[in-house]
Amino acid sequence: MSSLQQAKNTKTRTFTAILHWEEDVYVAECPEVGTASQGETIEKAIKTIFKRVLTY
C-alpha cells in the first residue's frame, strides 16, 4: 500500500485536553479517553497526554 493510500485511510479524531495546576505540577486530562498525565510545565503535561492518547 502506498503512502497516499495509507493517508486516505487514516481517520482524524479530535480530543480535548483539560489543563489545571494542582499543588506543584500541571495536570492534563483527556475526558474522551479517561486518562490523565502531569508535567512540571504546561508543555510537558501536553506532551505526555498526547503520548497517552496515541496509545489509546
PDB file of N, CA and C in Angstrom:
ATOM      1  N   MET A   1       0.854  -1.176   0.000  1.00  0.00           N
ATOM      2  CA  MET A   1       0.000   0.000   0.000  1.00  0.00           C
ATOM      3  C   MET A   1       0.899   1.238   0.000  1.00  0.00           C
ATOM      4  N   SER A   2       0.595   2.191  -0.870  1.00  0.00           N
ATOM      5  CA  SER A   2       1.411   3.404  -0.964  1.00  0.00           C
ATOM      6  C   SER A   2       1.107   4.341   0.201  1.00  0.00           C
ATOM      7  N   SER A   3       1.981   5.304   0.411  1.00  0.00           N
ATOM      8  CA  SER A   3       1.787   6.289   1.476  1.00  0.00           C
ATOM      9  C   SER A   3       0.520   7.102   1.256  1.00  0.00           C
ATOM     10  N   LEU A   4       0.209   7.401   0.015  1.00  0.00           N
ATOM     11  CA  LEU A   4      -1.001   8.160  -0.305  1.00  0.00           C
ATOM     12  C   LEU A   4      -2.247   7.352   0.054  1.00  0.00           C
ATOM     13  N   GLN A   5      -2.240   6.071  -0.239  1.00  0.00           N
ATOM     14  CA  GLN A   5      -3.375   5.219   0.113  1.00  0.00           C
ATOM     15  C   GLN A   5      -3.521   5.113   1.630  1.00  0.00           C
ATOM     16  N   GLN A   6      -2.400   5.009   2.342  1.00  0.00           N
ATOM     17  CA  GLN A   6      -2.446   4.948   3.804  1.00  0.00           C
ATOM     18  C   GLN A   6      -3.014   6.240   4.378  1.00  0.00           C
ATOM     19  N   ALA A   7      -2.608   7.374   3.820  1.00  0.00           N
ATOM     20  CA  ALA A   7      -3.094   8.669   4.292  1.00  0.00           C
ATOM     21  C   ALA A   7      -4.600   8.799   4.068  1.00  0.00           C
ATOM     22  N   LYS A   8      -5.087   8.306   2.963  1.00  0.00           N
ATOM     23  CA  LYS A   8      -6.520   8.375   2.672  1.00  0.00           C
ATOM     24  C   LYS A   8      -7.319   7.506   3.642  1.00  0.00           C
ATOM     25  N   ASN A   9      -6.725   6.419   4.121  1.00  0.00           N
ATOM     26  CA  ASN A   9      -7.405   5.508   5.026  1.00  0.00           C
ATOM     27  C   ASN A   9      -7.284   5.930   6.495  1.00  0.00           C
ATOM     28  N   THR A  10      -6.481   6.948   6.762  1.00  0.00           N
ATOM     29  CA  THR A  10      -6.280   7.412   8.128  1.00  0.00           C
ATOM     30  C   THR A  10      -7.461   8.268   8.564  1.00  0.00           C
ATOM     31  N   LYS A  11      -7.962   7.989   9.759  1.00  0.00           N
ATOM     32  CA  LYS A  11      -9.071   8.777  10.286  1.00  0.00           C
ATOM     33  C   LYS A  11      -8.522   9.798  11.274  1.00  0.00           C
ATOM     34  N   THR A  12      -9.107  10.969  11.246  1.00  0.00           N
ATOM     35  CA  THR A  12      -8.709  12.034  12.161  1.00  0.00           C
ATOM     36  C   THR A  12      -9.732  12.135  13.271  1.00  0.00           C
ATOM     37  N   ARG A  13      -9.236  12.215  14.501  1.00  0.00           N
ATOM     38  CA  ARG A  13     -10.122  12.384  15.652  1.00  0.00           C
ATOM     39  C   ARG A  13      -9.630  13.578  16.451  1.00  0.00           C
ATOM     40  N   THR A  14     -10.554  14.237  17.103  1.00  0.00           N
ATOM     41  CA  THR A  14     -10.218  15.386  17.933  1.00  0.00           C
ATOM     42  C   THR A  14     -10.504  15.031  19.388  1.00  0.00           C
ATOM     43  N   PHE A  15      -9.537  15.340  20.246  1.00  0.00           N
ATOM     44  CA  PHE A  15      -9.675  15.078  21.677  1.00  0.00           C
ATOM     45  C   PHE A  15      -9.507  16.374  22.448  1.00  0.00           C
ATOM     46  N   THR A  16     -10.087  16.418  23.626  1.00  0.00           N
ATOM     47  CA  THR A  16      -9.997  17.578  24.496  1.00  0.00           C
ATOM     48  C   THR A  16      -8.914  17.349  25.536  1.00  0.00           C
ATOM     49  N   ALA A  17      -8.118  18.378  25.786  1.00  0.00           N
ATOM     50  CA  ALA A  17      -7.135  18.330  26.878  1.00  0.00           C
ATOM     51  C   ALA A  17      -7.498  19.431  27.862  1.00  0.00           C
ATOM     52  N   ILE A  18      -7.798  19.039  29.081  1.00  0.00           N
ATOM     53  CA  ILE A  18      -8.117  19.997  30.137  1.00  0.00           C
ATOM     54  C   ILE A  18      -6.888  20.101  31.033  1.00  0.00           C
ATOM     55  N   LEU A  19      -6.373  21.308  31.166  1.00  0.00           N
ATOM     56  CA  LEU A  19      -5.158  21.520  31.960  1.00  0.00           C
ATOM     57  C   LEU A  19      -5.481  22.348  33.187  1.00  0.00           C
ATOM     58  N   HIS A  20      -4.883  21.957  34.298  1.00  0.00           N
ATOM     59  CA  HIS A  20      -5.013  22.753  35.513  1.00  0.00           C
ATOM     60  C   HIS A  20      -3.794  22.545  36.412  1.00  0.00           C
ATOM     61  N   TRP A  21      -3.603  23.494  37.307  1.00  0.00           N
ATOM     62  CA  TRP A  21      -2.481  23.474  38.247  1.00  0.00           C
ATOM     63  C   TRP A  21      -2.927  22.746  39.498  1.00  0.00           C
ATOM     64  N   GLU A  22      -2.157  21.772  39.938  1.00  0.00           N
ATOM     65  CA  GLU A  22      -2.506  21.008  41.129  1.00  0.00           C
ATOM     66  C   GLU A  22      -1.273  20.889  42.018  1.00  0.00           C
ATOM     67  N   GLU A  23      -1.269  21.610  43.105  1.00  0.00           N
ATOM     68  CA  GLU A  23      -0.165  21.668  44.073  1.00  0.00           C
ATOM     69  C   GLU A  23       1.131  22.129  43.427  1.00  0.00           C
ATOM     70  N   ASP A  24       1.919  21.232  42.832  1.00  0.00           N
ATOM     71  CA  ASP A  24       3.208  21.646  42.274  1.00  0.00           C
ATOM     72  C   ASP A  24       3.444  21.174  40.840  1.00  0.00           C
ATOM     73  N   VAL A  25       2.394  20.707  40.167  1.00  0.00           N
ATOM     74  CA  VAL A  25       2.522  20.246  38.775  1.00  0.00           C
ATOM     75  C   VAL A  25       1.296  20.652  37.961  1.00  0.00           C
ATOM     76  N   TYR A  26       1.463  20.665  36.661  1.00  0.00           N
ATOM     77  CA  TYR A  26       0.334  20.850  35.752  1.00  0.00           C
ATOM     78  C   TYR A  26      -0.259  19.476  35.459  1.00  0.00           C
ATOM     79  N   VAL A  27      -1.571  19.381  35.487  1.00  0.00           N
ATOM     80  CA  VAL A  27      -2.270  18.128  35.208  1.00  0.00           C
ATOM     81  C   VAL A  27      -3.049  18.301  33.913  1.00  0.00           C
ATOM     82  N   ALA A  28      -2.918  17.337  33.022  1.00  0.00           N
ATOM     83  CA  ALA A  28      -3.658  17.328  31.762  1.00  0.00           C
ATOM     84  C   ALA A  28      -4.582  16.121  31.781  1.00  0.00           C
ATOM     85  N   GLU A  29      -5.854  16.351  31.481  1.00  0.00           N
ATOM     86  CA  GLU A  29      -6.840  15.273  31.454  1.00  0.00           C
ATOM     87  C   GLU A  29      -7.501  15.219  30.085  1.00  0.00           C
ATOM     88  N   CYS A  30      -7.768  14.015  29.627  1.00  0.00           N
ATOM     89  CA  CYS A  30      -8.496  13.816  28.373  1.00  0.00           C
ATOM     90  C   CYS A  30      -9.767  13.037  28.702  1.00  0.00           C
ATOM     91  N   PRO A  31     -10.910  13.725  28.793  1.00  0.00           N
ATOM     92  CA  PRO A  31     -12.144  13.045  29.202  1.00  0.00           C
ATOM     93  C   PRO A  31     -12.645  12.005  28.198  1.00  0.00           C
ATOM     94  N   GLU A  32     -12.363  12.184  26.924  1.00  0.00           N
ATOM     95  CA  GLU A  32     -12.823  11.215  25.927  1.00  0.00           C
ATOM     96  C   GLU A  32     -12.166   9.850  26.112  1.00  0.00           C
ATOM     97  N   VAL A  33     -10.921   9.856  26.552  1.00  0.00           N
ATOM     98  CA  VAL A  33     -10.176   8.613  26.731  1.00  0.00           C
ATOM     99  C   VAL A  33     -10.194   8.173  28.194  1.00  0.00           C
ATOM    100  N   GLY A  34     -10.380   9.134  29.081  1.00  0.00           N
ATOM    101  CA  GLY A  34     -10.393   8.821  30.505  1.00  0.00           C
ATOM    102  C   GLY A  34      -9.005   8.661  31.086  1.00  0.00           C
ATOM    103  N   THR A  35      -8.064   9.438  30.587  1.00  0.00           N
ATOM    104  CA  THR A  35      -6.699   9.358  31.081  1.00  0.00           C
ATOM    105  C   THR A  35      -6.206  10.731  31.506  1.00  0.00           C
ATOM    106  N   ALA A  36      -5.136  10.730  32.280  1.00  0.00           N
ATOM    107  CA  ALA A  36      -4.544  11.979  32.752  1.00  0.00           C
ATOM    108  C   ALA A  36      -3.033  11.829  32.790  1.00  0.00           C
ATOM    109  N   SER A  37      -2.355  12.966  32.781  1.00  0.00           N
ATOM    110  CA  SER A  37      -0.900  12.981  32.907  1.00  0.00           C
ATOM    111  C   SER A  37      -0.506  14.252  33.633  1.00  0.00           C
ATOM    112  N   GLN A  38       0.770  14.388  33.887  1.00  0.00           N
ATOM    113  CA  GLN A  38       1.238  15.585  34.576  1.00  0.00           C
ATOM    114  C   GLN A  38       2.607  15.978  34.060  1.00  0.00           C
ATOM    115  N   GLY A  39       2.986  17.224  34.344  1.00  0.00           N
ATOM    116  CA  GLY A  39       4.294  17.712  33.953  1.00  0.00           C
ATOM    117  C   GLY A  39       4.652  18.957  34.738  1.00  0.00           C
ATOM    118  N   GLU A  40       5.936  19.228  34.815  1.00  0.00           N
ATOM    119  CA  GLU A  40       6.409  20.408  35.533  1.00  0.00           C
ATOM    120  C   GLU A  40       6.063  21.692  34.802  1.00  0.00           C
ATOM    121  N   THR A  41       5.844  21.587  33.476  1.00  0.00           N
ATOM    122  CA  THR A  41       5.433  22.729  32.669  1.00  0.00           C
ATOM    123  C   THR A  41       4.171  22.343  31.886  1.00  0.00           C
ATOM    124  N   ILE A  42       3.486  23.339  31.358  1.00  0.00           N
ATOM    125  CA  ILE A  42       2.308  23.062  30.529  1.00  0.00           C
ATOM    126  C   ILE A  42       2.703  22.227  29.318  1.00  0.00           C
ATOM    127  N   GLU A  43       3.826  22.582  28.713  1.00  0.00           N
ATOM    128  CA  GLU A  43       4.287  21.867  27.520  1.00  0.00           C
ATOM    129  C   GLU A  43       4.533  20.398  27.815  1.00  0.00           C
ATOM    130  N   LYS A  44       5.158  20.093  28.961  1.00  0.00           N
ATOM    131  CA  LYS A  44       5.431  18.698  29.314  1.00  0.00           C
ATOM    132  C   LYS A  44       4.144  17.940  29.597  1.00  0.00           C
ATOM    133  N   ALA A  45       3.184  18.588  30.241  1.00  0.00           N
ATOM    134  CA  ALA A  45       1.908  17.935  30.524  1.00  0.00           C
ATOM    135  C   ALA A  45       1.173  17.618  29.224  1.00  0.00           C
ATOM    136  N   ILE A  46       1.194  18.542  28.273  1.00  0.00           N
ATOM    137  CA  ILE A  46       0.544  18.317  26.981  1.00  0.00           C
ATOM    138  C   ILE A  46       1.251  17.208  26.211  1.00  0.00           C
ATOM    139  N   LYS A  47       2.574  17.216  26.214  1.00  0.00           N
ATOM    140  CA  LYS A  47       3.345  16.194  25.510  1.00  0.00           C
ATOM    141  C   LYS A  47       3.033  14.801  26.058  1.00  0.00           C
ATOM    142  N   THR A  48       2.924  14.698  27.372  1.00  0.00           N
ATOM    143  CA  THR A  48       2.652  13.401  27.992  1.00  0.00           C
ATOM    144  C   THR A  48       1.236  12.925  27.709  1.00  0.00           C
ATOM    145  N   ILE A  49       0.253  13.824  27.781  1.00  0.00           N
ATOM    146  CA  ILE A  49      -1.128  13.403  27.500  1.00  0.00           C
ATOM    147  C   ILE A  49      -1.269  13.022  26.027  1.00  0.00           C
ATOM    148  N   PHE A  50      -0.547  13.716  25.152  1.00  0.00           N
ATOM    149  CA  PHE A  50      -0.570  13.385  23.729  1.00  0.00           C
ATOM    150  C   PHE A  50      -0.076  11.956  23.511  1.00  0.00           C
ATOM    151  N   LYS A  51       1.005  11.583  24.178  1.00  0.00           N
ATOM    152  CA  LYS A  51       1.542  10.220  24.047  1.00  0.00           C
ATOM    153  C   LYS A  51       0.538   9.184  24.567  1.00  0.00           C
ATOM    154  N   ARG A  52      -0.119   9.497  25.672  1.00  0.00           N
ATOM    155  CA  ARG A  52      -1.090   8.553  26.232  1.00  0.00           C
ATOM    156  C   ARG A  52      -2.302   8.389  25.336  1.00  0.00           C
ATOM    157  N   VAL A  53      -2.751   9.480  24.738  1.00  0.00           N
ATOM    158  CA  VAL A  53      -3.915   9.404  23.843  1.00  0.00           C
ATOM    159  C   VAL A  53      -3.554   8.611  22.595  1.00  0.00           C
ATOM    160  N   LEU A  54      -2.328   8.754  22.097  1.00  0.00           N
ATOM    161  CA  LEU A  54      -1.903   7.997  20.915  1.00  0.00           C
ATOM    162  C   LEU A  54      -1.916   6.493  21.180  1.00  0.00           C
ATOM    163  N   THR A  55      -1.627   6.077  22.402  1.00  0.00           N
ATOM    164  CA  THR A  55      -1.633   4.649  22.702  1.00  0.00           C
ATOM    165  C   THR A  55      -3.050   4.113  22.875  1.00  0.00           C
ATOM    166  N   TYR A  56      -4.024   5.020  22.981  1.00  0.00           N
ATOM    167  CA  TYR A  56      -5.421   4.622  23.104  1.00  0.00           C
ATOM    168  C   TYR A  56      -5.868   4.070  21.798  1.00  0.00           C
TER     169      TYR A  56
END
